[in-house]
Amino acid sequence: METKGKGAGGSGTNKNGLPFEECVNDIQIENFTYKKQYEFVKFMRPFENKNFNSFFKPDGAYISNDFKNVYILECKFQNCSGSVDEKLLSSVMKLKLYKNKYPGINFFYAFVLSPWFKTQKKYNDWYKILKEQNIVFFYGKETGEIKLNISYDKSGQVKLKISPSYKTNNIDIKNWISK
């Protein structure tokens, strides 16, 4: 799927990225609360530095019940060359911004990447540098199952959305958070 010159993102991002993000939604970790996107922002509001304006809506975050540690999971789906890969490079900056926004809380950052990334040797240098900054990588994969979402538009017409289902190695993620 080429998006160059057409305003990358948009419906293609939601079509592929949103189903992929679901691969981290069902991981249960004792003594942690899971929040995503705006849920995270609202949940963390009591701990924020009010003088710091930046905020991010992570794809997923596990917050320890004592509010000492937060594990950010960013899911990135890509199946060809494009701009998603460049988002990996912003992780070190985002990690610092999270720490400034929520002082006194330890933040840890990981990516859950689509299978395409695993086959791309050109990112090996990136992975090495990011791992030196304690950025962690996990990989999702297709389950072979299909999800069907039925909804209705404003005129009452049925809308069907078919998307692949993804999963990740929940044990690896639990081990990273529980270390």
Foldseek 3Di string as FASTA:
>chain_A
DDCPPPPPDDPVCCLAVVLQLCQPVPQDAPQWDKDFFVRVVVVCVVQFDPVQPDDGTASMWIAGNVRQEIEGEHEFEDQDDDDSVVVLVCVLVVLVSVCNGGPNHHYAAEYAYEPNVVPDPVCPVVVVVVVVVRYYYWYKYFPPDKDWDWDADPVRDIDIRIGTHIHTPSVVVNVVVVD
